[in-house]
Amino acid sequence: MTATVRAWPPGAATGLGSLPGTDPREAVRLVLGEVPDLPYLPELPDRGAGAELIGRGASVLADLAVEIQPSGWRITARPGRDLRRARDLLARDLDAVEELGATRSGAFKIALAGPWTLAAGIELPSGHRVLSDHGATRDLAQALTEGLRTLLADLTARLPAATIVVQLDEPTLPAVLAGHIPTASGYGTLRTVAATTVEQTLADVLAVVPAGRRVVHCCAPGVPVPLLQRAGADAVALDAALLTSRHYDDLGEAVQAGLSLWLGVVPGTDADISLDATRARVTQLWSALGFPADQLASTVVLTPACGLAGASPGYVRRAMKVLRETAQALHEGADEPE
């Protein structure tokens, strides 16, 4: 297996973004305490439009204004109230991170919707999806690239001792590749996008982020792992429950080449979970991939299956505790002498 330098330590656990609630300081305090090896900037969609996946991603687009229409986010001629609110919500979250974590060192993660999920989720002024227009999709990806560059500079100034890890959320990516995104009318689907175009666009956005800090997350079936690796991802986050034996060859080759697997191993909504069951699930999958146990903790990061916004606060704490303790147990087990 290829030796790879990663920003996060072996035996890490983290969340994927969304949490329940509306208080950013409380959310930041939670992640700093519960997943200290790889804390992250929480998303709090309970606050409404602008705090959810598409709204947060749209809020960082450089020189591209959006507004809310009954059908969702839409590109508009000039910034208005909706965009100001989305940017204000992000600024409050960043303020909370700076206040509570300004002196922290080590990895700190942020997440944004990736270019293809944004292109499928934002409309042109005509009401058609950005994805329906190649030129508009290219412009949106460039706006995201520049916006991410600016956000990284801001976060680096706020957390000067931290190493910023970037997670691009691409839940819509398999549907984009398969041509399953519906048209504005809902009576048809948009044409497929060439895999080479998808790969290059992702590569252009990821290139803003230093190597060893690039994560792409997709909790949908059919994650194109080889494509994401070629695009420059250092890690791919996916839902372990969606993996079957037909995925193992792609995953094994990617891991062999140095890719880190972020495995979603606890549900995103309230469920009965335990450390022993979670550990067994991870070790069984790792064994099925054919790698030795002592390489697991340095390659795998444990996460929820997806965001936790739909979970109760008590379950969120329990899930993070189980993930953290499972990851620690796997790491400590790897360090034990034979």
Protein backbone atom coordinates (compact mmCIF):
# COMPACT_ATOMS: atom_id res chain seq x y z
CA MET A 1 0.00 0.00 0.00
CA THR A 2 1.36 3.40 -1.01
CA ALA A 3 2.61 5.58 1.86
CA THR A 4 0.55 8.77 1.98
CA VAL A 5 0.84 11.90 4.09
CA ARG A 6 -2.56 12.89 5.47
CA ALA A 7 -3.59 15.87 7.56
CA TRP A 8 -5.54 13.75 10.06
CA PRO A 9 -3.97 11.30 12.51
CA PRO A 10 -4.43 7.51 12.56
CA GLY A 11 -7.44 6.38 14.54
CA ALA A 12 -9.52 9.48 13.75
CA ALA A 13 -13.29 9.84 13.70
CA THR A 14 -15.33 12.78 12.47
CA GLY A 15 -18.75 13.95 11.38
CA LEU A 16 -19.85 14.78 7.87
CA GLY A 17 -21.40 18.20 8.38
CA SER A 18 -24.98 18.67 9.52
CA LEU A 19 -26.16 18.62 13.13
CA PRO A 20 -29.51 19.35 14.79
CA GLY A 21 -30.08 22.69 16.50
CA THR A 22 -29.55 26.36 15.74
CA ASP A 23 -26.74 27.51 18.06
CA PRO A 24 -23.35 27.55 16.26
CA ARG A 25 -21.32 27.97 19.47
CA GLU A 26 -22.97 24.93 21.02
CA ALA A 27 -22.38 22.90 17.84
CA VAL A 28 -18.71 23.89 17.59
CA ARG A 29 -18.16 23.11 21.26
CA LEU A 30 -19.72 19.68 20.70
CA VAL A 31 -17.47 18.69 17.79
CA LEU A 32 -14.31 20.04 19.44
CA GLY A 33 -15.08 17.89 22.47
CA GLU A 34 -16.43 14.73 20.86
CA VAL A 35 -14.22 14.30 17.77
CA PRO A 36 -11.04 16.18 18.79
CA ASP A 37 -8.74 14.44 16.29
CA LEU A 38 -10.75 15.72 13.32
CA PRO A 39 -13.31 18.37 14.36
CA TYR A 40 -15.25 20.24 11.71
CA LEU A 41 -17.38 23.27 10.94
CA PRO A 42 -20.96 22.13 11.62
CA GLU A 43 -23.90 22.85 9.33
CA LEU A 44 -27.15 23.69 11.13
CA PRO A 45 -29.94 23.42 8.53
CA ASP A 46 -32.62 23.86 11.23
CA ARG A 47 -31.89 27.58 10.87
CA GLY A 48 -33.54 27.52 7.45
CA ALA A 49 -32.59 28.46 3.91
CA GLY A 50 -28.96 29.43 3.57
CA ALA A 51 -27.79 27.05 6.28
CA GLU A 52 -28.41 23.87 4.27
CA LEU A 53 -26.12 22.14 1.79
CA ILE A 54 -26.99 24.09 -1.37
CA GLY A 55 -27.45 27.43 0.39
CA ARG A 56 -24.09 27.18 2.15
CA GLY A 57 -22.34 26.23 -1.07
CA ALA A 58 -24.05 29.06 -2.94
CA SER A 59 -23.00 31.54 -0.27
CA VAL A 60 -19.31 31.19 -1.14
CA LEU A 61 -19.63 31.46 -4.93
CA ALA A 62 -17.40 34.30 -6.11
CA ASP A 63 -19.12 36.97 -8.22
CA LEU A 64 -22.25 34.86 -8.66
CA ALA A 65 -25.44 35.93 -6.92
CA VAL A 66 -28.33 33.65 -6.00
CA GLU A 67 -31.79 34.01 -4.54
CA ILE A 68 -34.55 31.70 -3.33
CA GLN A 69 -37.50 30.93 -5.58
CA PRO A 70 -40.38 28.53 -4.77
CA SER A 71 -38.48 25.84 -6.69
CA GLY A 72 -35.19 26.46 -4.86
CA TRP A 73 -31.99 28.46 -5.29
CA ARG A 74 -31.65 30.39 -8.55
CA ILE A 75 -28.93 32.55 -10.09
CA THR A 76 -29.89 36.22 -10.18
CA ALA A 77 -28.44 39.48 -11.46
CA ARG A 78 -27.39 40.99 -8.14
CA PRO A 79 -27.02 39.98 -4.47
CA GLY A 80 -30.14 40.29 -2.38
CA ARG A 81 -31.56 39.43 1.01
CA ASP A 82 -31.36 35.64 0.59
CA LEU A 83 -27.67 35.65 -0.27
CA ARG A 84 -26.87 38.14 2.50
CA ARG A 85 -28.60 35.87 4.99
CA ALA A 86 -26.71 32.78 3.81
CA ARG A 87 -23.39 34.61 4.06
CA ASP A 88 -24.29 35.95 7.48
CA LEU A 89 -25.06 32.42 8.74
CA LEU A 90 -21.68 31.21 7.52
CA ALA A 91 -19.94 34.20 9.10
CA ARG A 92 -21.57 33.42 12.46
CA ASP A 93 -20.36 29.84 12.23
CA LEU A 94 -16.84 30.97 11.42
CA ASP A 95 -16.94 33.41 14.33
CA ALA A 96 -17.89 30.55 16.66
CA VAL A 97 -15.00 28.45 15.36
CA GLU A 98 -12.56 31.32 15.85
CA GLU A 99 -13.82 32.04 19.35
CA LEU A 100 -13.68 28.45 20.57
CA GLY A 101 -10.85 26.98 18.51
CA ALA A 102 -8.47 29.77 17.54
CA THR A 103 -5.53 28.20 19.36
CA ARG A 104 -6.10 24.62 18.26
CA SER A 105 -3.52 22.82 16.16
CA GLY A 106 -4.02 19.74 14.04
CA ALA A 107 -6.66 19.06 11.43
CA PHE A 108 -9.90 21.02 11.16
CA LYS A 109 -12.43 20.19 8.44
CA ILE A 110 -14.88 22.26 6.44
CA ALA A 111 -17.48 20.93 4.02
CA LEU A 112 -19.06 22.49 0.96
CA ALA A 113 -21.30 21.19 -1.79
CA GLY A 114 -19.21 20.15 -4.77
CA PRO A 115 -19.58 21.62 -8.25
CA TRP A 116 -21.81 18.89 -9.66
CA THR A 117 -24.23 18.84 -6.73
CA LEU A 118 -24.43 22.65 -6.92
CA ALA A 119 -24.97 22.57 -10.69
CA ALA A 120 -27.80 20.08 -10.20
CA GLY A 121 -29.29 21.99 -7.28
CA ILE A 122 -29.19 25.62 -8.50
CA GLU A 123 -31.31 27.01 -11.32
CA LEU A 124 -30.49 29.40 -14.12
CA PRO A 125 -32.61 32.58 -14.37
CA SER A 126 -34.73 30.67 -16.92
CA GLY A 127 -35.66 28.07 -14.31
CA HIS A 128 -33.60 25.29 -15.89
CA ARG A 129 -30.87 23.68 -13.84
CA VAL A 130 -27.36 25.04 -14.20
CA LEU A 131 -26.37 21.48 -15.12
CA SER A 132 -28.37 21.80 -18.35
CA ASP A 133 -25.91 24.40 -19.70
CA HIS A 134 -22.25 23.42 -20.12
CA GLY A 135 -21.04 27.03 -20.07
CA ALA A 136 -23.05 27.90 -16.97
CA THR A 137 -21.79 24.78 -15.22
CA ARG A 138 -18.21 25.77 -16.02
CA ASP A 139 -18.80 29.30 -14.69
CA LEU A 140 -20.35 27.96 -11.49
CA ALA A 141 -17.41 25.62 -10.92
CA GLN A 142 -14.98 28.50 -11.40
CA ALA A 143 -17.00 30.64 -8.96
CA LEU A 144 -16.87 27.80 -6.43
CA THR A 145 -13.11 27.43 -6.92
CA GLU A 146 -12.46 31.11 -6.25
CA GLY A 147 -14.91 31.19 -3.37
CA LEU A 148 -13.24 28.18 -1.77
CA ARG A 149 -9.87 29.86 -2.16
CA THR A 150 -11.18 32.91 -0.29
CA LEU A 151 -12.80 30.80 2.42
CA LEU A 152 -9.57 28.88 2.99
CA ALA A 153 -7.65 32.13 3.39
CA ASP A 154 -10.22 33.37 5.91
CA LEU A 155 -10.14 30.14 7.92
CA THR A 156 -6.35 30.03 7.90
CA ALA A 157 -6.29 33.53 9.36
CA ARG A 158 -8.84 32.55 12.03
CA LEU A 159 -7.14 29.22 12.90
CA PRO A 160 -3.47 29.91 12.19
CA ALA A 161 -2.16 26.76 13.89
CA ALA A 162 -4.67 24.38 12.29
CA THR A 163 -4.44 22.36 9.09
CA ILE A 164 -7.61 22.92 7.09
CA VAL A 165 -9.14 19.83 5.47
CA VAL A 166 -11.77 20.35 2.75
CA GLN A 167 -14.67 17.96 2.15
CA LEU A 168 -16.64 18.38 -1.07
CA ASP A 169 -20.15 16.94 -0.71
CA GLU A 170 -21.31 15.31 -3.93
CA PRO A 171 -24.44 13.28 -3.13
CA THR A 172 -25.82 13.97 -6.62
CA LEU A 173 -22.71 12.86 -8.51
CA PRO A 174 -23.83 9.30 -9.39
CA ALA A 175 -27.11 10.67 -10.77
CA VAL A 176 -25.23 13.26 -12.84
CA LEU A 177 -23.04 10.55 -14.35
CA ALA A 178 -26.02 8.28 -15.02
CA GLY A 179 -28.23 10.98 -16.55
CA HIS A 180 -30.87 10.72 -13.83
CA ILE A 181 -31.22 14.42 -12.95
CA PRO A 182 -34.76 15.54 -13.86
CA THR A 183 -35.41 18.49 -16.14
CA ALA A 184 -37.24 21.59 -14.87
CA SER A 185 -40.55 20.18 -16.12
CA GLY A 186 -39.98 16.88 -14.39
CA TYR A 187 -40.99 14.98 -17.53
CA GLY A 188 -37.49 14.12 -18.65
CA THR A 189 -33.91 13.91 -17.49
CA LEU A 190 -30.83 15.88 -18.36
CA ARG A 191 -28.27 14.21 -20.58
CA THR A 192 -25.35 12.47 -18.99
CA VAL A 193 -22.14 14.37 -18.40
CA ALA A 194 -18.96 12.74 -19.68
CA ALA A 195 -16.90 11.18 -16.92
CA THR A 196 -13.82 13.02 -18.17
CA THR A 197 -15.62 16.36 -17.77
CA VAL A 198 -16.80 15.45 -14.28
CA GLU A 199 -13.30 14.39 -13.31
CA GLN A 200 -11.57 17.49 -14.67
CA THR A 201 -14.05 19.87 -13.02
CA LEU A 202 -13.59 18.18 -9.66
CA ALA A 203 -9.83 18.22 -10.15
CA ASP A 204 -9.88 21.97 -10.80
CA VAL A 205 -11.78 22.65 -7.57
CA LEU A 206 -9.70 20.24 -5.48
CA ALA A 207 -6.49 21.78 -6.78
CA VAL A 208 -7.14 24.80 -4.53
CA VAL A 209 -6.59 22.52 -1.52
CA PRO A 210 -3.09 21.25 -0.63
CA ALA A 211 -2.50 17.54 -1.13
CA GLY A 212 -3.29 15.36 1.86
CA ARG A 213 -6.34 17.46 2.79
CA ARG A 214 -8.85 16.69 0.02
CA VAL A 215 -11.98 14.65 0.75
CA VAL A 216 -14.99 13.93 -1.45
CA HIS A 217 -18.14 12.67 0.28
CA CYS A 218 -20.98 10.85 -1.45
CA CYS A 219 -23.58 8.93 0.56
CA ALA A 220 -25.53 7.76 -2.52
CA PRO A 221 -25.21 4.35 -4.17
CA GLY A 222 -22.69 4.03 -6.97
CA VAL A 223 -19.86 6.24 -5.70
CA PRO A 224 -17.32 6.49 -8.57
CA VAL A 225 -14.26 5.86 -6.41
CA PRO A 226 -11.67 5.53 -9.24
CA LEU A 227 -12.88 8.80 -10.81
CA LEU A 228 -12.64 10.64 -7.50
CA GLN A 229 -9.14 9.33 -6.91
CA ARG A 230 -8.02 10.42 -10.38
CA ALA A 231 -9.51 13.85 -9.70
CA GLY A 232 -7.13 14.27 -6.77
CA ALA A 233 -9.14 13.18 -3.73
CA ASP A 234 -7.00 11.97 -0.84
CA ALA A 235 -10.03 10.40 0.81
CA VAL A 236 -13.51 9.26 -0.21
CA ALA A 237 -16.30 9.28 2.36
CA LEU A 238 -19.14 6.84 1.72
CA ASP A 239 -21.92 4.92 3.43
CA ALA A 240 -20.57 1.50 4.36
CA ALA A 241 -24.09 0.05 4.33
CA LEU A 242 -24.26 0.58 0.56
CA LEU A 243 -21.09 -1.38 -0.16
CA THR A 244 -21.27 -4.89 -1.59
CA SER A 245 -18.65 -7.31 -2.83
CA ARG A 246 -18.84 -5.84 -6.34
CA HIS A 247 -17.32 -2.61 -4.96
CA TYR A 248 -14.36 -4.32 -3.30
CA ASP A 249 -12.02 -4.40 -6.31
CA ASP A 250 -12.31 -0.63 -6.89
CA LEU A 251 -11.94 0.11 -3.19
CA GLY A 252 -9.00 -2.23 -2.79
CA GLU A 253 -7.14 -0.76 -5.76
CA ALA A 254 -7.78 2.78 -4.49
CA VAL A 255 -6.55 1.96 -0.99
CA GLN A 256 -3.51 0.22 -2.45
CA ALA A 257 -2.75 3.46 -4.32
CA GLY A 258 -2.97 5.51 -1.13
CA LEU A 259 -6.61 6.58 -0.87
CA SER A 260 -8.08 6.95 2.61
CA LEU A 261 -11.54 5.48 3.20
CA TRP A 262 -13.95 7.42 5.37
CA LEU A 263 -16.53 4.82 6.30
CA GLY A 264 -20.03 5.78 7.40
CA VAL A 265 -20.69 3.08 9.97
CA VAL A 266 -23.40 4.47 12.26
CA PRO A 267 -26.84 5.62 11.02
CA GLY A 268 -27.56 9.32 10.57
CA THR A 269 -30.80 9.06 12.57
CA ASP A 270 -31.51 7.57 15.99
CA ALA A 271 -30.68 3.87 16.19
CA ASP A 272 -29.34 1.29 18.61
CA ILE A 273 -25.54 1.37 18.25
CA SER A 274 -22.63 -0.03 20.22
CA LEU A 275 -18.86 0.04 20.16
CA ASP A 276 -18.53 -3.73 19.71
CA ALA A 277 -20.95 -3.93 16.79
CA THR A 278 -19.40 -0.93 15.09
CA ARG A 279 -15.89 -2.29 15.50
CA ALA A 280 -16.92 -5.67 14.11
CA ARG A 281 -18.51 -4.02 11.10
CA VAL A 282 -15.35 -2.08 10.30
CA THR A 283 -12.95 -4.99 10.77
CA GLN A 284 -15.10 -7.33 8.69
CA LEU A 285 -15.18 -4.89 5.78
CA TRP A 286 -11.44 -4.25 6.03
CA SER A 287 -10.75 -7.98 6.06
CA ALA A 288 -13.00 -8.44 3.01
CA LEU A 289 -10.89 -5.87 1.17
CA GLY A 290 -7.87 -8.07 1.86
CA PHE A 291 -5.66 -5.73 3.88
CA PRO A 292 -3.86 -6.54 7.15
CA ALA A 293 -5.37 -5.31 10.40
CA ASP A 294 -2.37 -3.16 11.28
CA GLN A 295 -3.06 -0.88 8.30
CA LEU A 296 -6.69 -0.18 9.18
CA ALA A 297 -6.34 2.70 11.63
CA SER A 298 -3.97 4.62 9.40
CA THR A 299 -6.23 4.29 6.35
CA VAL A 300 -9.80 4.44 7.67
CA VAL A 301 -11.64 7.36 9.29
CA LEU A 302 -14.97 6.54 10.94
CA THR A 303 -18.01 8.74 10.31
CA PRO A 304 -21.80 8.63 10.46
CA ALA A 305 -23.46 7.28 7.32
CA CYS A 306 -24.50 10.82 6.43
CA GLY A 307 -25.33 14.10 8.16
CA LEU A 308 -26.90 14.04 11.63
CA ALA A 309 -29.40 16.90 11.28
CA GLY A 310 -32.33 14.49 11.59
CA ALA A 311 -31.07 12.89 14.80
CA SER A 312 -31.84 13.77 18.40
CA PRO A 313 -29.14 15.64 20.37
CA GLY A 314 -28.69 12.65 22.66
CA TYR A 315 -28.12 10.30 19.74
CA VAL A 316 -25.64 12.71 18.17
CA ARG A 317 -23.47 12.61 21.28
CA ARG A 318 -23.81 8.83 21.50
CA ALA A 319 -22.91 8.39 17.82
CA MET A 320 -19.83 10.58 18.11
CA LYS A 321 -18.72 8.78 21.26
CA VAL A 322 -19.09 5.37 19.62
CA LEU A 323 -17.20 6.52 16.52
CA ARG A 324 -14.40 8.09 18.57
CA GLU A 325 -13.98 5.13 20.91
CA THR A 326 -14.16 2.60 18.07
CA ALA A 327 -11.49 4.46 16.12
CA GLN A 328 -9.30 4.69 19.21
CA ALA A 329 -9.74 0.98 19.92
CA LEU A 330 -8.76 0.08 16.36
CA HIS A 331 -5.70 2.31 16.58
CA GLU A 332 -4.63 0.92 19.95
CA GLY A 333 -5.16 -2.60 18.66
CA ALA A 334 -2.88 -1.88 15.72
CA ASP A 335 -0.14 -0.77 18.13
CA GLU A 336 -0.32 -3.92 20.23
CA PRO A 337 2.57 -6.38 19.76
CA GLU A 338 1.84 -9.62 18.03
